[in-house]
Amino acid sequence: MKNNTILLDNLKYIDDDVFSAIKRYTINKDDLYLTIAGTVGCVGIVPDEVDGMNLTENAAKLTEIKAHRIYLLYSLLSSFVQEQFKSKYHQVAQPKLSIETSYITLIPLPPLSEQVRIAESIEQYNNLINELEENKEDLKQFVIQTKSQILDLAIRGKLVPQEPNDEPASVLLERIKSEHSDSKKKAKNTGDNSHYPFEIPESWKWCNLEKISHHICAGGDKPVNYSDYKTSNYSIPIYSNGKAKDGLYGYTDEATINQPSITISARGTIGFSCIRFEPFCPIVRLISITPNMQIIDINYLHYTLISLIPQGEGSSIPQLTVPNIKPKNIPVPPLPEQKRIVKKIEQIFASLDEIANSIIA
């Protein structure tokens, strides 16, 4: 019994002896059923297919109904009547509502013609609600797919127009390189833009993630000094992998990452990305990326990683590793264009979320 009717795919059958004992206890297609034991207060119609069949002892039948049957159905399902049921059934091994108690349940009874109109209106609204419920998952998937398409357009240089006055990414990279020519960090040569997964605008540049980051590292062990709750002594957040609370694990007294960074869940739940602007402590199963924000906007990098993040390499448990993250090639636009892209993405995402929330809520 479910969804205000009897489901035909889970019918129980009785043998001849049981049938002989309860053969007079049958239900008719013009009746309603009311569950009176276990789950109390479920009411439903009887499909034509089970007309004349036997009914479980956990349910009573409402027969020879004088009111409009569908109006009576919805009246019995109303909070007004359900509260009466709850106040009257007694608790033993399981909740049970007696037939005698059911008889004295009060329901509001309008004229028959109004009962018909009320039932029709409820049916119309229920059909609309059911249709919306069925479309919720489709809408969620549509929003997810649309966001993915927006990010794909963004990293290909097709979301906002290029500005000829922007300093090209190649010039920016050379300038930053010359300004830090004494740096001991050696980055891989990315070559030209013609040997990569897709074409990008001329003012853009392919760069591996290591070249545009200060640090890329895996989280360490759980710190010795930590608390599950934020206190005056333990106020630095600890993050691990997973989506719950954005990966918040607890709090400690010392940060291991002090610059704005991006964290990526690396095992189990993989690819979940968050931007961390405050000092924090990453622990196992989390990779932290501290971008060089003279080259790349942290928000742009965050959206790019969502779109381009590599798949986990574990066999039984998918995982990401620092070695497979570092050489990941990233399309880098001019810095002003990165900021325009981020602004456009956030505008579109906000509109999509607003539409989805207005329908799903």
Protein backbone atom coordinates (compact mmCIF):
# COMPACT_ATOMS: atom_id res chain seq x y z
CA MET A 1 0.00 0.00 0.00
CA LYS A 2 1.60 3.24 -1.14
CA ASN A 3 0.81 6.56 -2.84
CA ASN A 4 -2.85 6.35 -1.81
CA THR A 5 -3.44 3.05 -3.58
CA ILE A 6 -2.48 -0.63 -3.54
CA LEU A 7 0.67 -1.52 -5.44
CA LEU A 8 0.14 -4.50 -7.71
CA ASP A 9 3.78 -5.60 -7.87
CA ASN A 10 3.94 -6.72 -4.23
CA LEU A 11 0.71 -8.63 -3.65
CA LYS A 12 0.67 -11.45 -1.07
CA TYR A 13 -1.21 -14.68 -1.71
CA ILE A 14 -2.93 -16.99 0.79
CA ASP A 15 -3.55 -20.71 0.74
CA ASP A 16 -6.98 -22.35 0.65
CA ASP A 17 -7.21 -22.86 4.41
CA VAL A 18 -6.58 -19.19 5.18
CA PHE A 19 -8.98 -18.18 2.42
CA SER A 20 -11.73 -20.34 3.94
CA ALA A 21 -11.26 -18.62 7.28
CA ILE A 22 -11.35 -15.03 5.94
CA LYS A 23 -13.25 -15.42 2.67
CA ARG A 24 -15.92 -12.91 3.81
CA TYR A 25 -13.27 -10.28 4.51
CA THR A 26 -12.86 -8.89 1.02
CA ILE A 27 -12.50 -5.42 -0.41
CA ASN A 28 -14.39 -3.82 -3.25
CA LYS A 29 -13.23 -1.37 -5.94
CA ASP A 30 -15.75 1.16 -4.57
CA ASP A 31 -14.24 0.98 -1.05
CA LEU A 32 -11.37 2.85 0.58
CA TYR A 33 -8.81 1.16 2.79
CA LEU A 34 -7.47 2.56 6.10
CA THR A 35 -4.38 1.10 7.75
CA ILE A 36 -5.02 0.51 11.45
CA ALA A 37 -1.88 -1.28 12.69
CA GLY A 38 1.84 -0.64 12.33
CA THR A 39 1.76 2.37 10.05
CA VAL A 40 -1.57 3.92 11.08
CA GLY A 41 -3.68 6.30 9.01
CA CYS A 42 -2.70 5.51 5.42
CA VAL A 43 -5.77 5.79 3.21
CA GLY A 44 -6.16 4.76 -0.41
CA ILE A 45 -8.38 3.71 -3.27
CA VAL A 46 -8.79 0.12 -4.44
CA PRO A 47 -7.68 -0.60 -8.04
CA ASP A 48 -10.07 -2.52 -10.27
CA GLU A 49 -7.50 -5.32 -10.52
CA VAL A 50 -7.91 -6.26 -6.83
CA ASP A 51 -11.69 -5.96 -6.71
CA GLY A 52 -13.00 -8.78 -4.51
CA MET A 53 -9.62 -9.79 -3.11
CA ASN A 54 -8.90 -10.35 0.56
CA LEU A 55 -7.50 -7.51 2.65
CA THR A 56 -4.77 -7.74 5.29
CA GLU A 57 -5.85 -7.64 8.93
CA ASN A 58 -3.70 -4.52 9.37
CA ALA A 59 -6.20 -2.48 7.36
CA ALA A 60 -9.90 -1.72 7.60
CA LYS A 61 -12.22 -1.05 4.67
CA LEU A 62 -14.61 1.88 4.35
CA THR A 63 -17.57 0.53 2.44
CA GLU A 64 -20.98 1.75 1.28
CA ILE A 65 -19.56 5.28 1.24
CA LYS A 66 -22.25 7.97 1.16
CA ALA A 67 -19.88 10.93 0.62
CA HIS A 68 -17.85 11.61 -2.51
CA ARG A 69 -15.20 8.87 -2.32
CA ILE A 70 -12.20 10.99 -3.40
CA TYR A 71 -13.23 13.85 -1.12
CA LEU A 72 -13.41 11.37 1.77
CA LEU A 73 -9.96 10.07 0.83
CA TYR A 74 -8.38 13.51 1.08
CA SER A 75 -10.33 14.38 4.23
CA LEU A 76 -8.92 11.32 5.97
CA LEU A 77 -5.41 12.25 4.82
CA SER A 78 -5.73 15.81 6.16
CA SER A 79 -3.72 16.86 9.21
CA PHE A 80 -7.02 17.51 11.05
CA VAL A 81 -8.05 13.84 10.81
CA GLN A 82 -4.54 12.40 11.11
CA GLU A 83 -4.07 14.22 14.43
CA GLN A 84 -7.28 12.58 15.65
CA PHE A 85 -5.91 9.19 14.72
CA LYS A 86 -2.64 9.88 16.55
CA SER A 87 -4.48 10.97 19.70
CA LYS A 88 -6.65 7.84 19.75
CA TYR A 89 -4.59 4.81 18.78
CA HIS A 90 -3.02 2.98 21.67
CA GLN A 91 0.60 1.84 21.96
CA VAL A 92 1.25 -1.83 22.58
CA ALA A 93 3.86 -3.78 20.64
CA GLN A 94 2.95 -1.53 17.70
CA PRO A 95 0.54 1.39 17.16
CA LYS A 96 -3.03 0.25 16.53
CA LEU A 97 -6.26 2.05 15.75
CA SER A 98 -9.44 0.23 16.69
CA ILE A 99 -12.49 0.04 14.43
CA GLU A 100 -14.62 1.52 17.21
CA THR A 101 -12.28 4.50 17.53
CA SER A 102 -12.27 5.02 13.76
CA TYR A 103 -16.07 5.29 13.81
CA ILE A 104 -16.04 8.43 15.98
CA THR A 105 -13.44 10.33 13.92
CA LEU A 106 -14.81 13.72 12.89
CA ILE A 107 -14.50 15.06 9.33
CA PRO A 108 -15.83 18.31 7.81
CA LEU A 109 -18.58 17.46 5.31
CA PRO A 110 -19.67 20.11 2.77
CA PRO A 111 -22.60 19.65 0.33
CA LEU A 112 -22.01 16.86 -2.19
CA SER A 113 -21.56 19.24 -5.13
CA GLU A 114 -18.86 21.10 -3.19
CA GLN A 115 -17.19 17.82 -2.25
CA VAL A 116 -16.87 17.09 -5.96
CA ARG A 117 -15.34 20.51 -6.68
CA ILE A 118 -12.90 20.21 -3.77
CA ALA A 119 -11.81 16.72 -4.85
CA GLU A 120 -11.29 17.88 -8.45
CA SER A 121 -9.21 20.87 -7.33
CA ILE A 122 -7.05 18.72 -5.06
CA GLU A 123 -6.51 16.23 -7.89
CA GLN A 124 -5.43 19.01 -10.24
CA TYR A 125 -2.93 20.40 -7.73
CA ASN A 126 -1.67 16.91 -6.89
CA ASN A 127 -1.07 16.19 -10.56
CA LEU A 128 0.90 19.42 -10.86
CA ILE A 129 2.91 18.65 -7.72
CA ASN A 130 3.63 15.11 -8.92
CA GLU A 131 4.78 16.44 -12.27
CA LEU A 132 7.10 18.91 -10.56
CA GLU A 133 8.43 16.14 -8.29
CA GLU A 134 9.14 13.95 -11.30
CA ASN A 135 10.91 16.85 -13.02
CA LYS A 136 13.07 17.81 -10.03
CA GLU A 137 15.79 15.32 -10.81
CA ASP A 138 15.67 16.24 -14.48
CA LEU A 139 16.00 19.91 -13.53
CA LYS A 140 18.93 19.19 -11.21
CA GLN A 141 20.70 17.30 -13.98
CA PHE A 142 19.93 20.10 -16.45
CA VAL A 143 21.49 22.67 -14.10
CA ILE A 144 24.57 20.48 -13.55
CA GLN A 145 24.99 19.90 -17.28
CA THR A 146 24.44 23.59 -18.11
CA LYS A 147 27.05 24.65 -15.53
CA SER A 148 29.48 22.16 -17.01
CA GLN A 149 28.85 23.58 -20.49
CA ILE A 150 29.38 27.13 -19.20
CA LEU A 151 32.72 26.12 -17.70
CA ASP A 152 33.69 24.42 -20.93
CA LEU A 153 32.96 27.60 -22.87
CA ALA A 154 34.88 29.62 -20.28
CA ILE A 155 38.12 27.63 -20.52
CA ARG A 156 37.97 27.73 -24.34
CA GLY A 157 37.75 31.52 -24.45
CA LYS A 158 34.15 31.53 -25.69
CA LEU A 159 32.29 32.91 -22.69
CA VAL A 160 33.40 36.56 -22.82
CA PRO A 161 34.99 38.52 -25.68
CA GLN A 162 38.74 39.10 -25.78
CA GLU A 163 39.97 42.66 -25.28
CA PRO A 164 42.85 43.67 -27.57
CA ASN A 165 44.31 45.96 -24.90
CA ASP A 166 44.76 43.09 -22.41
CA GLU A 167 48.35 42.03 -21.83
CA PRO A 168 48.66 38.55 -23.46
CA ALA A 169 49.25 35.68 -21.07
CA SER A 170 52.58 34.83 -22.76
CA VAL A 171 53.86 38.37 -22.13
CA LEU A 172 52.63 38.23 -18.55
CA LEU A 173 54.42 34.93 -17.97
CA GLU A 174 57.68 36.21 -19.45
CA ARG A 175 57.49 39.37 -17.37
CA ILE A 176 56.85 37.45 -14.15
CA LYS A 177 59.67 35.07 -15.07
CA SER A 178 62.12 37.93 -15.60
CA GLU A 179 61.07 39.56 -12.35
CA HIS A 180 61.84 36.33 -10.52
CA SER A 181 64.77 35.17 -12.63
CA ASP A 182 66.71 34.26 -9.49
CA SER A 183 64.06 31.72 -8.55
CA LYS A 184 65.38 28.18 -8.20
CA LYS A 185 62.05 26.67 -9.22
CA LYS A 186 62.25 25.00 -12.62
CA ALA A 187 59.01 24.74 -14.57
CA LYS A 188 58.41 22.54 -17.57
CA ASN A 189 58.45 24.18 -20.99
CA THR A 190 54.87 24.28 -22.23
CA GLY A 191 55.73 24.99 -25.88
CA ASP A 192 53.22 26.67 -28.16
CA ASN A 193 49.44 26.41 -28.06
CA SER A 194 49.05 24.03 -31.00
CA HIS A 195 49.61 20.65 -29.28
CA TYR A 196 46.94 20.73 -26.59
CA PRO A 197 43.41 19.28 -26.18
CA PHE A 198 41.59 22.23 -27.74
CA GLU A 199 42.27 25.58 -29.34
CA ILE A 200 42.43 28.72 -27.23
CA PRO A 201 42.59 32.41 -28.24
CA GLU A 202 45.95 33.82 -29.34
CA SER A 203 46.21 35.97 -26.23
CA TRP A 204 45.96 32.89 -24.01
CA LYS A 205 48.73 30.45 -23.03
CA TRP A 206 48.80 26.79 -22.01
CA CYS A 207 50.71 26.31 -18.75
CA ASN A 208 51.14 23.32 -16.51
CA LEU A 209 49.71 23.74 -13.04
CA GLU A 210 53.09 23.55 -11.37
CA LYS A 211 54.34 26.57 -13.35
CA ILE A 212 51.50 28.83 -12.18
CA SER A 213 51.53 27.69 -8.55
CA HIS A 214 53.73 28.46 -5.57
CA HIS A 215 53.04 25.11 -3.92
CA ILE A 216 51.17 21.88 -4.66
CA CYS A 217 51.21 19.44 -1.79
CA ALA A 218 49.30 16.61 -0.16
CA GLY A 219 47.80 16.96 3.29
CA GLY A 220 49.65 15.52 6.25
CA ASP A 221 48.65 13.51 9.27
CA LYS A 222 46.05 14.67 11.73
CA PRO A 223 47.73 17.22 14.05
CA VAL A 224 48.35 16.16 17.64
CA ASN A 225 46.82 19.35 19.01
CA TYR A 226 43.28 19.57 17.74
CA SER A 227 39.67 19.91 18.83
CA ASP A 228 36.37 18.93 17.24
CA TYR A 229 35.10 22.40 18.10
CA LYS A 230 36.46 25.90 17.63
CA THR A 231 37.94 27.31 20.82
CA SER A 232 40.18 30.20 21.81
CA ASN A 233 43.21 27.88 21.62
CA TYR A 234 42.11 25.91 18.57
CA SER A 235 40.79 28.26 15.89
CA ILE A 236 42.65 27.16 12.74
CA PRO A 237 40.36 24.94 10.63
CA ILE A 238 41.48 21.44 9.65
CA TYR A 239 40.22 20.19 6.31
CA SER A 240 40.06 16.67 4.94
CA ASN A 241 38.41 15.19 1.85
CA GLY A 242 34.66 15.03 1.35
CA LYS A 243 31.77 17.42 0.84
CA ALA A 244 30.25 17.46 4.34
CA LYS A 245 30.89 20.90 5.84
CA ASP A 246 33.25 21.52 2.88
CA GLY A 247 35.60 18.93 4.37
CA LEU A 248 35.86 20.58 7.81
CA TYR A 249 37.41 18.03 10.19
CA GLY A 250 38.09 20.12 13.30
CA TYR A 251 40.37 22.86 14.60
CA THR A 252 44.02 23.14 15.58
CA ASP A 253 46.43 25.76 16.94
CA GLU A 254 48.77 26.12 13.95
CA ALA A 255 48.24 26.54 10.21
CA THR A 256 50.36 24.66 7.68
CA ILE A 257 49.00 26.68 4.72
CA ASN A 258 48.98 30.47 5.19
CA GLN A 259 48.19 31.72 1.67
CA PRO A 260 44.92 31.62 -0.28
CA SER A 261 44.74 28.13 -1.75
CA ILE A 262 42.49 25.62 -3.48
CA THR A 263 41.94 22.21 -1.95
CA ILE A 264 40.87 19.11 -3.90
CA SER A 265 39.53 15.91 -2.38
CA ALA A 266 41.94 13.24 -3.55
CA ARG A 267 40.57 9.87 -2.43
CA GLY A 268 37.13 8.33 -2.03
CA THR A 269 35.30 11.55 -2.83
CA ILE A 270 37.60 12.92 -5.52
CA GLY A 271 37.67 16.23 -7.34
CA PHE A 272 35.60 18.23 -4.81
CA SER A 273 37.22 21.66 -4.91
CA CYS A 274 37.10 24.52 -2.41
CA ILE A 275 38.83 27.90 -2.18
CA ARG A 276 40.43 28.60 1.22
CA PHE A 277 41.25 32.24 1.83
CA GLU A 278 42.06 31.90 5.54
CA PRO A 279 45.04 29.98 7.01
CA PHE A 280 44.22 26.28 7.44
CA CYS A 281 45.66 22.82 7.99
CA PRO A 282 45.06 20.16 5.29
CA ILE A 283 45.26 16.51 6.30
CA VAL A 284 45.30 13.16 4.52
CA ARG A 285 43.35 12.65 1.28
CA LEU A 286 43.45 16.36 0.43
CA ILE A 287 45.67 18.16 -2.10
CA SER A 288 46.35 21.88 -1.65
CA ILE A 289 47.25 24.20 -4.52
CA THR A 290 48.58 27.69 -3.75
CA PRO A 291 48.37 29.62 -7.05
CA ASN A 292 50.61 32.46 -8.10
CA MET A 293 47.96 35.16 -8.22
CA GLN A 294 50.23 37.45 -10.22
CA ILE A 295 49.52 35.01 -13.05
CA ILE A 296 46.19 33.40 -12.34
CA ASP A 297 43.03 34.44 -10.50
CA ILE A 298 42.23 31.90 -7.79
CA ASN A 299 38.53 31.84 -8.71
CA TYR A 300 39.33 31.28 -12.39
CA LEU A 301 41.67 28.43 -11.45
CA HIS A 302 38.98 26.93 -9.21
CA TYR A 303 36.45 26.84 -12.06
CA THR A 304 39.07 25.54 -14.48
CA LEU A 305 39.99 22.67 -12.18
CA ILE A 306 36.32 21.73 -11.80
CA SER A 307 36.18 21.41 -15.58
CA LEU A 308 39.56 19.77 -16.19
CA ILE A 309 40.35 17.79 -13.06
CA PRO A 310 41.87 14.39 -13.97
CA GLN A 311 40.22 11.15 -12.92
CA GLY A 312 41.50 9.18 -9.94
CA GLU A 313 44.11 6.51 -10.65
CA GLY A 314 43.24 4.05 -7.89
CA SER A 315 41.85 0.67 -8.94
CA SER A 316 39.49 -0.13 -6.05
CA ILE A 317 39.34 3.39 -4.59
CA PRO A 318 39.73 6.25 -7.13
CA GLN A 319 42.34 8.79 -6.11
CA LEU A 320 44.28 11.82 -7.24
CA THR A 321 47.96 12.34 -6.49
CA VAL A 322 50.33 15.31 -6.48
CA PRO A 323 52.37 13.81 -9.36
CA ASN A 324 49.31 13.62 -11.63
CA ILE A 325 48.06 17.06 -10.62
CA LYS A 326 51.31 19.03 -11.13
CA PRO A 327 51.69 18.49 -14.90
CA LYS A 328 48.04 19.19 -15.63
CA ASN A 329 47.89 21.77 -18.45
CA ILE A 330 45.72 24.81 -17.77
CA PRO A 331 44.52 27.36 -20.37
CA VAL A 332 45.58 30.75 -18.99
CA PRO A 333 43.90 33.91 -20.35
CA PRO A 334 45.15 37.45 -19.74
CA LEU A 335 44.61 38.32 -16.09
CA PRO A 336 41.85 40.94 -16.73
CA GLU A 337 39.98 38.43 -18.88
CA GLN A 338 40.20 35.83 -16.12
CA LYS A 339 38.35 38.23 -13.84
CA ARG A 340 35.72 38.92 -16.51
CA ILE A 341 35.23 35.19 -16.99
CA VAL A 342 34.77 34.64 -13.25
CA LYS A 343 32.22 37.45 -13.05
CA LYS A 344 30.26 36.02 -15.99
CA ILE A 345 30.32 32.48 -14.60
CA GLU A 346 29.04 33.64 -11.24
CA GLN A 347 26.25 35.68 -12.84
CA ILE A 348 25.07 32.71 -14.90
CA PHE A 349 25.39 30.23 -12.02
CA ALA A 350 23.39 32.54 -9.73
CA SER A 351 20.61 32.76 -12.33
CA LEU A 352 20.53 28.97 -12.77
CA ASP A 353 20.41 28.42 -9.01
CA GLU A 354 17.63 30.97 -8.62
CA ILE A 355 15.54 29.24 -11.29
CA ALA A 356 16.17 25.80 -9.79
CA ASN A 357 15.43 26.90 -6.21
CA SER A 358 12.18 28.61 -7.22
CA ILE A 359 10.93 25.34 -8.71
CA ILE A 360 12.46 22.78 -6.37
CA ALA A 361 11.79 24.57 -3.07
